[in-house]
Amino acid sequence: MSHLLHIDSSVRGDKSVSRQLTARAAARWQAAHAQGTVTYRDLAVDPIPHLDASTGLARMTPAEQRTPAQHTSFALSQQLIDEIKLANTVLLGMPLYNYGPPSTVKAWVDHIVARGVAIGADGAGLLGDTEFIVIQTRGGGYGPGTPRHGWDHAETWLPHGVAPIGLQPQFISAELTSADTYPHMADLKPQAKESLDRAISQIDALWESAGNVA
């Protein structure tokens, strides 16, 4: 049976464009996999603890040498990795915050990059068979020719961040999502709509060959 792991990370709740788009993608996936099941994780509501002095070395410390705090941290890593292993597809909503990913997404990645669980003894990633769809939203414009071209450090970071475990993200992006919010961006509304429409079209094309697509 097919299984989807759906992860959101935006702190904007119902106003979040990334949440709206991942919801559409999840519905698309379910339409294409009539018997499929879904696990949902909300990193904004239930954040993954950031690595700190008491837990940060848990994934590099032999089990028999771990402290209680490290055991707890490693157990969470195991849980998060098992969620990926059970999934045929991982769907991640990732807004751009201060030119990078939400810190909760970074914490999620820090936990799942674990040797012996997501990385084999030979150094090969163990999660490479999992489809990884990332829906990224950006409040501004970061494409070629814009003043902030190259300032999006989330899309450039994530493929490298998950490379050790074999995941290869496929990005669908919508930008200028703040055009409806800020008056000084009002003249960018047409481009924002074009970017959003393009992202929706790409989402709707996902899993077209999977079978029972509504």
N, C-alpha and C. Protein backbone atom coordinates (compact mmCIF):
# COMPACT_ATOMS: atom_id res chain seq x y z
N MET A 1 0.84 -1.20 0.00
CA MET A 1 0.00 0.00 0.00
C MET A 1 0.87 1.25 0.00
N SER A 2 0.52 2.22 -0.84
CA SER A 2 1.29 3.45 -0.92
C SER A 2 1.09 4.31 0.33
N HIS A 3 2.13 5.05 0.68
CA HIS A 3 2.07 5.88 1.89
C HIS A 3 2.74 7.22 1.62
N LEU A 4 2.10 8.29 2.11
CA LEU A 4 2.61 9.65 1.97
C LEU A 4 2.97 10.20 3.33
N LEU A 5 4.16 10.81 3.42
CA LEU A 5 4.54 11.59 4.60
C LEU A 5 4.43 13.05 4.22
N HIS A 6 3.48 13.76 4.82
CA HIS A 6 3.18 15.16 4.51
C HIS A 6 3.69 16.01 5.68
N ILE A 7 4.61 16.93 5.38
CA ILE A 7 5.23 17.76 6.40
C ILE A 7 5.02 19.24 6.06
N ASP A 8 4.50 20.00 7.02
CA ASP A 8 4.41 21.46 6.88
C ASP A 8 5.35 22.11 7.87
N SER A 9 5.77 23.36 7.55
CA SER A 9 6.68 24.04 8.46
C SER A 9 6.38 25.52 8.62
N SER A 10 5.42 26.06 7.86
CA SER A 10 5.12 27.48 7.95
C SER A 10 4.50 27.83 9.29
N VAL A 11 4.86 29.02 9.80
CA VAL A 11 4.29 29.50 11.07
C VAL A 11 3.06 30.37 10.83
N ARG A 12 2.61 30.50 9.57
CA ARG A 12 1.54 31.42 9.24
C ARG A 12 0.14 30.81 9.29
N GLY A 13 0.02 29.57 9.67
CA GLY A 13 -1.28 28.95 9.81
C GLY A 13 -2.10 28.99 8.52
N ASP A 14 -3.38 29.36 8.64
CA ASP A 14 -4.27 29.36 7.48
C ASP A 14 -3.86 30.36 6.41
N LYS A 15 -3.03 31.34 6.77
CA LYS A 15 -2.58 32.34 5.80
C LYS A 15 -1.37 31.87 4.98
N SER A 16 -0.88 30.71 5.29
CA SER A 16 0.33 30.20 4.65
C SER A 16 0.05 29.72 3.24
N VAL A 17 0.81 30.24 2.29
CA VAL A 17 0.70 29.77 0.91
C VAL A 17 1.28 28.38 0.78
N SER A 18 2.38 28.11 1.47
CA SER A 18 2.99 26.78 1.37
C SER A 18 2.04 25.71 1.89
N ARG A 19 1.30 26.02 2.95
CA ARG A 19 0.33 25.04 3.48
C ARG A 19 -0.81 24.81 2.48
N GLN A 20 -1.25 25.86 1.84
CA GLN A 20 -2.31 25.70 0.84
C GLN A 20 -1.83 24.83 -0.32
N LEU A 21 -0.59 25.02 -0.71
CA LEU A 21 -0.07 24.25 -1.83
C LEU A 21 0.23 22.80 -1.45
N THR A 22 0.75 22.57 -0.25
CA THR A 22 0.97 21.17 0.14
C THR A 22 -0.35 20.44 0.33
N ALA A 23 -1.38 21.15 0.81
CA ALA A 23 -2.70 20.53 0.94
C ALA A 23 -3.21 20.10 -0.43
N ARG A 24 -3.01 20.95 -1.42
CA ARG A 24 -3.44 20.62 -2.78
C ARG A 24 -2.66 19.40 -3.30
N ALA A 25 -1.33 19.41 -3.04
CA ALA A 25 -0.50 18.29 -3.49
C ALA A 25 -0.90 17.00 -2.77
N ALA A 26 -1.17 17.07 -1.48
CA ALA A 26 -1.58 15.88 -0.74
C ALA A 26 -2.89 15.33 -1.27
N ALA A 27 -3.83 16.23 -1.59
CA ALA A 27 -5.11 15.79 -2.17
C ALA A 27 -4.88 15.15 -3.53
N ARG A 28 -3.95 15.72 -4.30
CA ARG A 28 -3.61 15.15 -5.60
C ARG A 28 -3.03 13.75 -5.43
N TRP A 29 -2.14 13.60 -4.46
CA TRP A 29 -1.53 12.29 -4.21
C TRP A 29 -2.60 11.28 -3.81
N GLN A 30 -3.51 11.68 -2.93
CA GLN A 30 -4.55 10.75 -2.47
C GLN A 30 -5.49 10.37 -3.60
N ALA A 31 -5.75 11.31 -4.52
CA ALA A 31 -6.59 10.99 -5.66
C ALA A 31 -5.93 9.96 -6.57
N ALA A 32 -4.60 10.02 -6.63
CA ALA A 32 -3.85 9.09 -7.47
C ALA A 32 -3.56 7.76 -6.79
N HIS A 33 -3.75 7.71 -5.48
CA HIS A 33 -3.48 6.49 -4.70
C HIS A 33 -4.68 6.24 -3.80
N ALA A 34 -5.73 5.71 -4.39
CA ALA A 34 -7.02 5.60 -3.70
C ALA A 34 -6.94 4.81 -2.40
N GLN A 35 -6.03 3.85 -2.32
CA GLN A 35 -5.90 3.03 -1.11
C GLN A 35 -4.73 3.49 -0.24
N GLY A 36 -4.13 4.61 -0.60
CA GLY A 36 -2.95 5.06 0.12
C GLY A 36 -3.26 5.64 1.49
N THR A 37 -2.25 5.70 2.32
CA THR A 37 -2.39 6.25 3.67
C THR A 37 -1.43 7.44 3.83
N VAL A 38 -1.72 8.28 4.82
CA VAL A 38 -0.96 9.52 5.00
C VAL A 38 -0.55 9.69 6.46
N THR A 39 0.68 10.06 6.67
CA THR A 39 1.16 10.53 7.97
C THR A 39 1.42 12.02 7.86
N TYR A 40 0.93 12.79 8.81
CA TYR A 40 1.10 14.24 8.76
C TYR A 40 1.94 14.70 9.94
N ARG A 41 2.92 15.57 9.65
CA ARG A 41 3.76 16.14 10.69
C ARG A 41 3.82 17.65 10.48
N ASP A 42 3.55 18.40 11.55
CA ASP A 42 3.57 19.86 11.48
C ASP A 42 4.73 20.37 12.32
N LEU A 43 5.78 20.79 11.66
CA LEU A 43 6.98 21.22 12.37
C LEU A 43 6.80 22.55 13.10
N ALA A 44 5.80 23.33 12.69
CA ALA A 44 5.55 24.60 13.38
C ALA A 44 4.78 24.40 14.67
N VAL A 45 3.91 23.40 14.69
CA VAL A 45 3.10 23.10 15.88
C VAL A 45 3.85 22.17 16.83
N ASP A 46 4.55 21.20 16.26
CA ASP A 46 5.28 20.22 17.06
C ASP A 46 6.73 20.20 16.57
N PRO A 47 7.51 21.22 16.91
CA PRO A 47 8.87 21.36 16.35
C PRO A 47 9.83 20.29 16.85
N ILE A 48 10.76 19.96 15.97
CA ILE A 48 11.84 19.04 16.34
C ILE A 48 12.86 19.82 17.16
N PRO A 49 13.29 19.29 18.30
CA PRO A 49 14.28 20.02 19.11
C PRO A 49 15.57 20.26 18.33
N HIS A 50 16.09 21.44 18.45
CA HIS A 50 17.38 21.71 17.83
C HIS A 50 18.48 20.98 18.59
N LEU A 51 19.53 20.63 17.89
CA LEU A 51 20.65 19.96 18.53
C LEU A 51 21.36 20.94 19.47
N ASP A 52 21.72 20.45 20.64
CA ASP A 52 22.41 21.30 21.61
C ASP A 52 23.54 20.52 22.24
N ALA A 53 24.14 21.08 23.27
CA ALA A 53 25.32 20.46 23.88
C ALA A 53 25.02 19.09 24.48
N SER A 54 23.78 18.88 24.91
CA SER A 54 23.45 17.61 25.56
C SER A 54 23.00 16.54 24.57
N THR A 55 22.58 16.94 23.36
CA THR A 55 22.03 15.97 22.41
C THR A 55 22.76 15.91 21.08
N GLY A 56 23.56 16.91 20.79
CA GLY A 56 24.11 17.05 19.45
C GLY A 56 24.98 15.91 18.97
N LEU A 57 25.62 15.20 19.87
CA LEU A 57 26.52 14.12 19.47
C LEU A 57 25.85 12.75 19.50
N ALA A 58 24.54 12.72 19.71
CA ALA A 58 23.85 11.43 19.86
C ALA A 58 24.01 10.54 18.64
N ARG A 59 24.01 11.14 17.44
CA ARG A 59 24.07 10.36 16.20
C ARG A 59 25.50 9.94 15.86
N MET A 60 26.45 10.39 16.65
CA MET A 60 27.84 10.01 16.42
C MET A 60 28.44 9.25 17.59
N THR A 61 27.61 8.90 18.56
CA THR A 61 28.07 8.23 19.77
C THR A 61 27.54 6.80 19.80
N PRO A 62 28.39 5.80 20.05
CA PRO A 62 27.90 4.43 20.14
C PRO A 62 26.80 4.31 21.19
N ALA A 63 25.84 3.43 20.94
CA ALA A 63 24.65 3.32 21.79
C ALA A 63 25.02 3.11 23.26
N GLU A 64 26.03 2.29 23.51
CA GLU A 64 26.38 1.97 24.89
C GLU A 64 27.04 3.15 25.62
N GLN A 65 27.44 4.17 24.86
CA GLN A 65 28.09 5.33 25.48
C GLN A 65 27.19 6.56 25.56
N ARG A 66 25.98 6.46 25.06
CA ARG A 66 25.09 7.62 25.04
C ARG A 66 24.56 7.94 26.43
N THR A 67 24.42 9.21 26.69
CA THR A 67 23.77 9.67 27.92
C THR A 67 22.26 9.50 27.76
N PRO A 68 21.49 9.61 28.84
CA PRO A 68 20.03 9.53 28.71
C PRO A 68 19.48 10.55 27.73
N ALA A 69 20.00 11.77 27.74
CA ALA A 69 19.53 12.79 26.81
C ALA A 69 19.85 12.40 25.36
N GLN A 70 21.01 11.81 25.17
CA GLN A 70 21.37 11.37 23.83
C GLN A 70 20.51 10.21 23.37
N HIS A 71 20.17 9.30 24.27
CA HIS A 71 19.28 8.19 23.92
C HIS A 71 17.92 8.73 23.47
N THR A 72 17.42 9.73 24.17
CA THR A 72 16.13 10.31 23.81
C THR A 72 16.20 10.98 22.44
N SER A 73 17.28 11.71 22.20
CA SER A 73 17.47 12.39 20.93
C SER A 73 17.60 11.39 19.79
N PHE A 74 18.35 10.33 20.01
CA PHE A 74 18.53 9.32 18.96
C PHE A 74 17.23 8.59 18.68
N ALA A 75 16.44 8.35 19.70
CA ALA A 75 15.15 7.69 19.51
C ALA A 75 14.24 8.54 18.62
N LEU A 76 14.30 9.86 18.76
CA LEU A 76 13.53 10.74 17.90
C LEU A 76 14.04 10.65 16.47
N SER A 77 15.34 10.63 16.30
CA SER A 77 15.90 10.45 14.95
C SER A 77 15.40 9.16 14.32
N GLN A 78 15.41 8.09 15.09
CA GLN A 78 14.93 6.81 14.59
C GLN A 78 13.46 6.91 14.17
N GLN A 79 12.65 7.58 14.96
CA GLN A 79 11.23 7.75 14.64
C GLN A 79 11.05 8.53 13.34
N LEU A 80 11.79 9.62 13.19
CA LEU A 80 11.67 10.46 12.00
C LEU A 80 12.14 9.71 10.75
N ILE A 81 13.21 8.94 10.89
CA ILE A 81 13.72 8.17 9.76
C ILE A 81 12.75 7.06 9.40
N ASP A 82 12.16 6.41 10.40
CA ASP A 82 11.17 5.37 10.14
C ASP A 82 9.97 5.93 9.38
N GLU A 83 9.57 7.17 9.70
CA GLU A 83 8.47 7.80 8.97
C GLU A 83 8.81 7.92 7.48
N ILE A 84 10.06 8.24 7.18
CA ILE A 84 10.48 8.34 5.79
C ILE A 84 10.54 6.96 5.14
N LYS A 85 11.08 5.99 5.86
CA LYS A 85 11.21 4.64 5.32
C LYS A 85 9.85 4.02 4.99
N LEU A 86 8.83 4.39 5.74
CA LEU A 86 7.49 3.86 5.50
C LEU A 86 6.81 4.53 4.32
N ALA A 87 7.33 5.66 3.89
CA ALA A 87 6.68 6.46 2.86
C ALA A 87 7.23 6.18 1.47
N ASN A 88 6.34 6.15 0.50
CA ASN A 88 6.76 6.15 -0.89
C ASN A 88 7.11 7.57 -1.34
N THR A 89 6.38 8.54 -0.76
CA THR A 89 6.58 9.94 -1.11
C THR A 89 6.65 10.78 0.16
N VAL A 90 7.61 11.68 0.22
CA VAL A 90 7.67 12.70 1.27
C VAL A 90 7.34 14.03 0.62
N LEU A 91 6.37 14.74 1.20
CA LEU A 91 5.94 16.04 0.71
C LEU A 91 6.25 17.08 1.78
N LEU A 92 7.13 18.02 1.46
CA LEU A 92 7.56 19.02 2.43
C LEU A 92 7.20 20.43 1.95
N GLY A 93 6.51 21.18 2.80
CA GLY A 93 6.28 22.59 2.56
C GLY A 93 7.37 23.41 3.23
N MET A 94 8.07 24.24 2.45
CA MET A 94 9.23 24.95 2.99
C MET A 94 9.21 26.42 2.56
N PRO A 95 8.66 27.30 3.39
CA PRO A 95 8.77 28.73 3.08
C PRO A 95 10.19 29.22 3.30
N LEU A 96 10.51 30.34 2.67
CA LEU A 96 11.83 30.94 2.84
C LEU A 96 11.77 31.96 3.97
N TYR A 97 12.59 31.76 5.00
CA TYR A 97 12.65 32.67 6.14
C TYR A 97 14.06 33.26 6.23
N ASN A 98 14.14 34.58 6.13
CA ASN A 98 15.45 35.24 6.26
C ASN A 98 16.49 34.60 5.35
N TYR A 99 16.05 34.29 4.12
CA TYR A 99 16.91 33.79 3.05
C TYR A 99 17.36 32.35 3.27
N GLY A 100 16.75 31.65 4.21
CA GLY A 100 17.08 30.25 4.44
C GLY A 100 15.84 29.46 4.80
N PRO A 101 16.00 28.17 5.11
CA PRO A 101 14.85 27.36 5.49
C PRO A 101 14.39 27.70 6.90
N PRO A 102 13.15 27.38 7.24
CA PRO A 102 12.74 27.49 8.65
C PRO A 102 13.70 26.66 9.52
N SER A 103 14.00 27.16 10.69
CA SER A 103 14.94 26.44 11.55
C SER A 103 14.42 25.05 11.91
N THR A 104 13.09 24.89 11.90
CA THR A 104 12.52 23.58 12.20
C THR A 104 12.83 22.56 11.12
N VAL A 105 12.91 23.02 9.86
CA VAL A 105 13.29 22.12 8.78
C VAL A 105 14.76 21.73 8.94
N LYS A 106 15.58 22.70 9.29
CA LYS A 106 17.00 22.38 9.54
C LYS A 106 17.14 21.36 10.66
N ALA A 107 16.35 21.51 11.75
CA ALA A 107 16.41 20.56 12.85
C ALA A 107 15.96 19.17 12.40
N TRP A 108 14.94 19.11 11.55
CA TRP A 108 14.47 17.83 11.01
C TRP A 108 15.58 17.15 10.23
N VAL A 109 16.26 17.90 9.37
CA VAL A 109 17.36 17.34 8.59
C VAL A 109 18.49 16.90 9.51
N ASP A 110 18.82 17.71 10.51
CA ASP A 110 19.89 17.35 11.44
C ASP A 110 19.61 16.02 12.12
N HIS A 111 18.34 15.74 12.40
CA HIS A 111 17.99 14.48 13.07
C HIS A 111 18.00 13.28 12.14
N ILE A 112 17.64 13.48 10.87
CA ILE A 112 17.53 12.31 9.99
C ILE A 112 18.85 11.93 9.32
N VAL A 113 19.84 12.79 9.41
CA VAL A 113 21.16 12.41 8.88
C VAL A 113 21.89 11.65 9.98
N ALA A 114 21.66 10.35 10.01
CA ALA A 114 22.16 9.51 11.10
C ALA A 114 22.81 8.26 10.53
N ARG A 115 24.07 8.10 10.78
CA ARG A 115 24.81 6.92 10.30
C ARG A 115 24.29 5.67 11.01
N GLY A 116 24.17 4.61 10.24
CA GLY A 116 23.68 3.34 10.78
C GLY A 116 22.18 3.20 10.70
N VAL A 117 21.47 4.30 10.48
CA VAL A 117 20.01 4.26 10.37
C VAL A 117 19.56 4.76 9.00
N ALA A 118 20.07 5.93 8.61
CA ALA A 118 19.76 6.48 7.29
C ALA A 118 20.98 6.45 6.37
N ILE A 119 22.13 6.13 6.94
CA ILE A 119 23.37 6.02 6.17
C ILE A 119 23.99 4.66 6.49
N GLY A 120 24.31 3.88 5.47
CA GLY A 120 24.86 2.56 5.68
C GLY A 120 26.29 2.57 6.14
N ALA A 121 26.79 1.41 6.54
CA ALA A 121 28.17 1.29 7.01
C ALA A 121 29.17 1.67 5.94
N ASP A 122 28.75 1.53 4.67
CA ASP A 122 29.64 1.89 3.56
C ASP A 122 29.53 3.36 3.18
N GLY A 123 28.71 4.11 3.93
CA GLY A 123 28.55 5.53 3.66
C GLY A 123 27.45 5.87 2.66
N ALA A 124 26.77 4.84 2.14
CA ALA A 124 25.71 5.08 1.16
C ALA A 124 24.41 5.46 1.85
N GLY A 125 23.67 6.39 1.25
CA GLY A 125 22.38 6.77 1.79
C GLY A 125 21.36 5.65 1.62
N LEU A 126 20.50 5.48 2.61
CA LEU A 126 19.56 4.36 2.62
C LEU A 126 18.14 4.77 2.24
N LEU A 127 17.93 6.05 1.91
CA LEU A 127 16.57 6.53 1.66
C LEU A 127 16.38 6.98 0.22
N GLY A 128 17.25 6.55 -0.66
CA GLY A 128 17.22 7.03 -2.03
C GLY A 128 16.04 6.59 -2.86
N ASP A 129 15.29 5.60 -2.40
CA ASP A 129 14.13 5.13 -3.16
C ASP A 129 12.87 5.93 -2.86
N THR A 130 12.96 6.91 -1.99
CA THR A 130 11.80 7.68 -1.58
C THR A 130 11.67 8.95 -2.43
N GLU A 131 10.49 9.14 -3.02
CA GLU A 131 10.23 10.37 -3.76
C GLU A 131 10.14 11.53 -2.77
N PHE A 132 10.78 12.65 -3.10
CA PHE A 132 10.85 13.78 -2.18
C PHE A 132 10.41 15.05 -2.93
N ILE A 133 9.18 15.48 -2.68
CA ILE A 133 8.62 16.66 -3.32
C ILE A 133 8.68 17.81 -2.31
N VAL A 134 9.32 18.91 -2.70
CA VAL A 134 9.45 20.08 -1.84
C VAL A 134 8.72 21.25 -2.49
N ILE A 135 7.72 21.77 -1.78
CA ILE A 135 6.99 22.94 -2.26
C ILE A 135 7.51 24.14 -1.49
N GLN A 136 8.22 24.99 -2.21
CA GLN A 136 8.87 26.13 -1.58
C GLN A 136 8.12 27.41 -1.94
N THR A 137 7.96 28.29 -0.96
CA THR A 137 7.35 29.59 -1.20
C THR A 137 8.31 30.68 -0.75
N ARG A 138 8.31 31.76 -1.55
CA ARG A 138 9.20 32.88 -1.26
C ARG A 138 8.39 34.17 -1.34
N GLY A 139 8.48 34.99 -0.31
CA GLY A 139 7.71 36.22 -0.28
C GLY A 139 8.13 37.21 -1.33
N GLY A 140 9.41 37.21 -1.68
CA GLY A 140 9.95 38.12 -2.68
C GLY A 140 10.35 37.41 -3.95
N GLY A 141 11.12 38.12 -4.78
CA GLY A 141 11.62 37.54 -6.01
C GLY A 141 13.11 37.32 -5.93
N TYR A 142 13.55 36.12 -6.32
CA TYR A 142 14.97 35.76 -6.19
C TYR A 142 15.54 35.18 -7.47
N GLY A 143 14.81 35.35 -8.58
CA GLY A 143 15.25 34.78 -9.85
C GLY A 143 16.31 35.63 -10.53
N PRO A 144 16.84 35.13 -11.64
CA PRO A 144 17.85 35.88 -12.40
C PRO A 144 17.34 37.27 -12.77
N GLY A 145 18.20 38.26 -12.58
CA GLY A 145 17.84 39.62 -12.91
C GLY A 145 17.24 40.41 -11.78
N THR A 146 16.89 39.75 -10.68
CA THR A 146 16.33 40.46 -9.53
C THR A 146 17.46 40.91 -8.61
N PRO A 147 17.22 41.95 -7.81
CA PRO A 147 18.28 42.43 -6.91
C PRO A 147 18.77 41.38 -5.93
N ARG A 148 17.91 40.42 -5.60
CA ARG A 148 18.29 39.41 -4.61
C ARG A 148 18.48 38.03 -5.24
N HIS A 149 18.84 38.02 -6.50
CA HIS A 149 19.16 36.74 -7.14
C HIS A 149 20.31 36.07 -6.39
N GLY A 150 20.11 34.81 -6.03
CA GLY A 150 21.13 34.08 -5.31
C GLY A 150 21.01 34.15 -3.79
N TRP A 151 20.03 34.93 -3.31
CA TRP A 151 19.87 35.06 -1.86
C TRP A 151 19.02 33.92 -1.27
N ASP A 152 18.43 33.10 -2.10
CA ASP A 152 17.65 31.97 -1.59
C ASP A 152 18.62 30.85 -1.25
N HIS A 153 18.91 30.72 0.05
CA HIS A 153 19.85 29.70 0.50
C HIS A 153 19.16 28.44 1.00
N ALA A 154 17.83 28.39 0.87
CA ALA A 154 17.10 27.19 1.27
C ALA A 154 17.13 26.16 0.15
N GLU A 155 16.79 26.60 -1.07
CA GLU A 155 16.76 25.65 -2.20
C GLU A 155 18.14 25.14 -2.54
N THR A 156 19.18 25.96 -2.34
CA THR A 156 20.54 25.49 -2.62
C THR A 156 21.07 24.59 -1.51
N TRP A 157 20.59 24.81 -0.28
CA TRP A 157 21.09 24.03 0.85
C TRP A 157 20.47 22.63 0.92
N LEU A 158 19.16 22.53 0.74
CA LEU A 158 18.48 21.28 1.05
C LEU A 158 19.01 20.07 0.28
N PRO A 159 19.27 20.15 -1.04
CA PRO A 159 19.80 18.97 -1.72
C PRO A 159 21.11 18.48 -1.12
N HIS A 160 21.95 19.42 -0.67
CA HIS A 160 23.21 19.03 -0.04
C HIS A 160 22.95 18.47 1.36
N GLY A 161 21.99 19.07 2.08
CA GLY A 161 21.71 18.64 3.44
C GLY A 161 21.24 17.20 3.52
N VAL A 162 20.44 16.77 2.54
CA VAL A 162 19.89 15.41 2.58
C VAL A 162 20.65 14.44 1.68
N ALA A 163 21.64 14.92 0.95
CA ALA A 163 22.40 14.05 0.05
C ALA A 163 23.00 12.84 0.76
N PRO A 164 23.53 12.98 1.98
CA PRO A 164 24.14 11.80 2.63
C PRO A 164 23.17 10.64 2.85
N ILE A 165 21.86 10.93 2.93
CA ILE A 165 20.89 9.85 3.18
C ILE A 165 20.18 9.41 1.90
N GLY A 166 20.55 10.01 0.79
CA GLY A 166 20.05 9.55 -0.50
C GLY A 166 18.82 10.26 -1.03
N LEU A 167 18.18 11.12 -0.25
CA LEU A 167 17.01 11.84 -0.74
C LEU A 167 17.42 12.87 -1.80
N GLN A 168 16.59 12.99 -2.83
CA GLN A 168 16.85 13.96 -3.89
C GLN A 168 15.58 14.80 -4.09
N PRO A 169 15.57 16.03 -3.57
CA PRO A 169 14.36 16.83 -3.63
C PRO A 169 14.01 17.30 -5.04
N GLN A 170 12.73 17.25 -5.32
CA GLN A 170 12.18 17.85 -6.54
C GLN A 170 11.41 19.09 -6.11
N PHE A 171 11.83 20.27 -6.56
CA PHE A 171 11.26 21.52 -6.09
C PHE A 171 10.13 22.02 -6.99
N ILE A 172 9.08 22.51 -6.34
CA ILE A 172 8.04 23.30 -6.98
C ILE A 172 7.97 24.60 -6.20
N SER A 173 8.17 25.72 -6.88
CA SER A 173 8.32 26.99 -6.16
C SER A 173 7.30 28.03 -6.61
N ALA A 174 6.83 28.80 -5.65
CA ALA A 174 6.00 29.97 -5.90
C ALA A 174 6.64 31.14 -5.19
N GLU A 175 6.85 32.24 -5.91
CA GLU A 175 7.49 33.38 -5.27
C GLU A 175 6.63 34.64 -5.40
N LEU A 176 7.10 35.69 -4.77
CA LEU A 176 6.37 36.96 -4.68
C LEU A 176 5.04 36.78 -3.94
N THR A 177 5.01 35.84 -3.01
CA THR A 177 3.76 35.54 -2.30
C THR A 177 3.34 36.66 -1.35
N SER A 178 4.24 37.62 -1.09
CA SER A 178 3.89 38.74 -0.22
C SER A 178 3.29 39.92 -0.99
N ALA A 179 3.11 39.77 -2.30
CA ALA A 179 2.64 40.88 -3.11
C ALA A 179 1.24 41.33 -2.71
N ASP A 180 0.42 40.40 -2.21
CA ASP A 180 -0.93 40.77 -1.78
C ASP A 180 -0.95 41.39 -0.39
N THR A 181 0.17 41.35 0.29
CA THR A 181 0.22 41.82 1.68
C THR A 181 0.82 43.21 1.80
N TYR A 182 1.86 43.49 1.04
CA TYR A 182 2.60 44.73 1.21
C TYR A 182 2.30 45.70 0.05
N PRO A 183 1.84 46.92 0.37
CA PRO A 183 1.50 47.89 -0.68
C PRO A 183 2.66 48.17 -1.64
N HIS A 184 3.89 48.18 -1.13
CA HIS A 184 5.00 48.51 -2.02
C HIS A 184 5.29 47.43 -3.05
N MET A 185 4.61 46.26 -2.91
CA MET A 185 4.78 45.18 -3.87
C MET A 185 3.57 45.04 -4.80
N ALA A 186 2.65 45.99 -4.73
CA ALA A 186 1.39 45.87 -5.47
C ALA A 186 1.61 45.69 -6.97
N ASP A 187 2.63 46.33 -7.51
CA ASP A 187 2.86 46.24 -8.95
C ASP A 187 3.39 44.86 -9.37
N LEU A 188 3.72 44.04 -8.38
CA LEU A 188 4.23 42.70 -8.68
C LEU A 188 3.15 41.63 -8.62
N LYS A 189 1.91 42.03 -8.38
CA LYS A 189 0.82 41.05 -8.27
C LYS A 189 0.67 40.19 -9.52
N PRO A 190 0.77 40.76 -10.72
CA PRO A 190 0.65 39.89 -11.91
C PRO A 190 1.72 38.80 -11.96
N GLN A 191 2.97 39.18 -11.63
CA GLN A 191 4.04 38.17 -11.62
C GLN A 191 3.82 37.15 -10.52
N ALA A 192 3.29 37.61 -9.37
CA ALA A 192 3.01 36.68 -8.27
C ALA A 192 1.96 35.66 -8.69
N LYS A 193 0.91 36.14 -9.36
CA LYS A 193 -0.15 35.23 -9.82
C LYS A 193 0.39 34.25 -10.84
N GLU A 194 1.25 34.74 -11.72
CA GLU A 194 1.85 33.85 -12.73
C GLU A 194 2.69 32.77 -12.06
N SER A 195 3.47 33.15 -11.04
CA SER A 195 4.30 32.17 -10.34
C SER A 195 3.44 31.16 -9.60
N LEU A 196 2.38 31.65 -8.94
CA LEU A 196 1.50 30.74 -8.21
C LEU A 196 0.78 29.79 -9.16
N ASP A 197 0.28 30.33 -10.26
CA ASP A 197 -0.41 29.48 -11.24
C ASP A 197 0.52 28.41 -11.80
N ARG A 198 1.77 28.77 -12.02
CA ARG A 198 2.74 27.81 -12.53
C ARG A 198 2.98 26.70 -11.51
N ALA A 199 3.09 27.07 -10.23
CA ALA A 199 3.28 26.07 -9.18
C ALA A 199 2.07 25.14 -9.09
N ILE A 200 0.88 25.71 -9.17
CA ILE A 200 -0.34 24.89 -9.12
C ILE A 200 -0.38 23.92 -10.29
N SER A 201 0.01 24.41 -11.47
CA SER A 201 0.03 23.54 -12.64
C SER A 201 1.01 22.39 -12.46
N GLN A 202 2.16 22.68 -11.88
CA GLN A 202 3.15 21.62 -11.64
C GLN A 202 2.65 20.62 -10.61
N ILE A 203 1.96 21.13 -9.59
CA ILE A 203 1.39 20.23 -8.57
C ILE A 203 0.34 19.32 -9.20
N ASP A 204 -0.51 19.91 -10.03
CA ASP A 204 -1.58 19.12 -10.62
C ASP A 204 -1.07 18.08 -11.60
N ALA A 205 0.16 18.26 -12.08
CA ALA A 205 0.75 17.29 -13.00
C ALA A 205 1.45 16.15 -12.27
N LEU A 206 1.61 16.28 -10.97
CA LEU A 206 2.26 15.21 -10.20
C LEU A 206 1.40 13.95 -10.21
N TRP A 207 2.06 12.82 -10.31
CA TRP A 207 1.42 11.51 -10.18
C TRP A 207 0.33 11.26 -11.21
N GLU A 208 0.44 11.92 -12.38
CA GLU A 208 -0.58 11.73 -13.42
C GLU A 208 -0.62 10.28 -13.90
N SER A 209 0.53 9.62 -13.86
CA SER A 209 0.58 8.25 -14.37
C SER A 209 0.41 7.21 -13.27
N ALA A 210 0.05 7.69 -12.06
CA ALA A 210 -0.04 6.76 -10.93
C ALA A 210 -1.32 5.93 -10.94
N GLY A 211 -2.27 6.29 -11.78
CA GLY A 211 -3.47 5.47 -11.84
C GLY A 211 -4.73 6.27 -11.65
N ASN A 212 -5.35 6.10 -10.50
CA ASN A 212 -6.67 6.68 -10.24
C ASN A 212 -6.55 8.16 -9.89
N VAL A 213 -6.35 8.99 -10.90
CA VAL A 213 -6.20 10.42 -10.69
C VAL A 213 -7.52 11.10 -10.92
N ALA A 214 -7.95 11.93 -9.95
CA ALA A 214 -9.22 12.63 -10.10
C ALA A 214 -9.02 13.86 -10.96
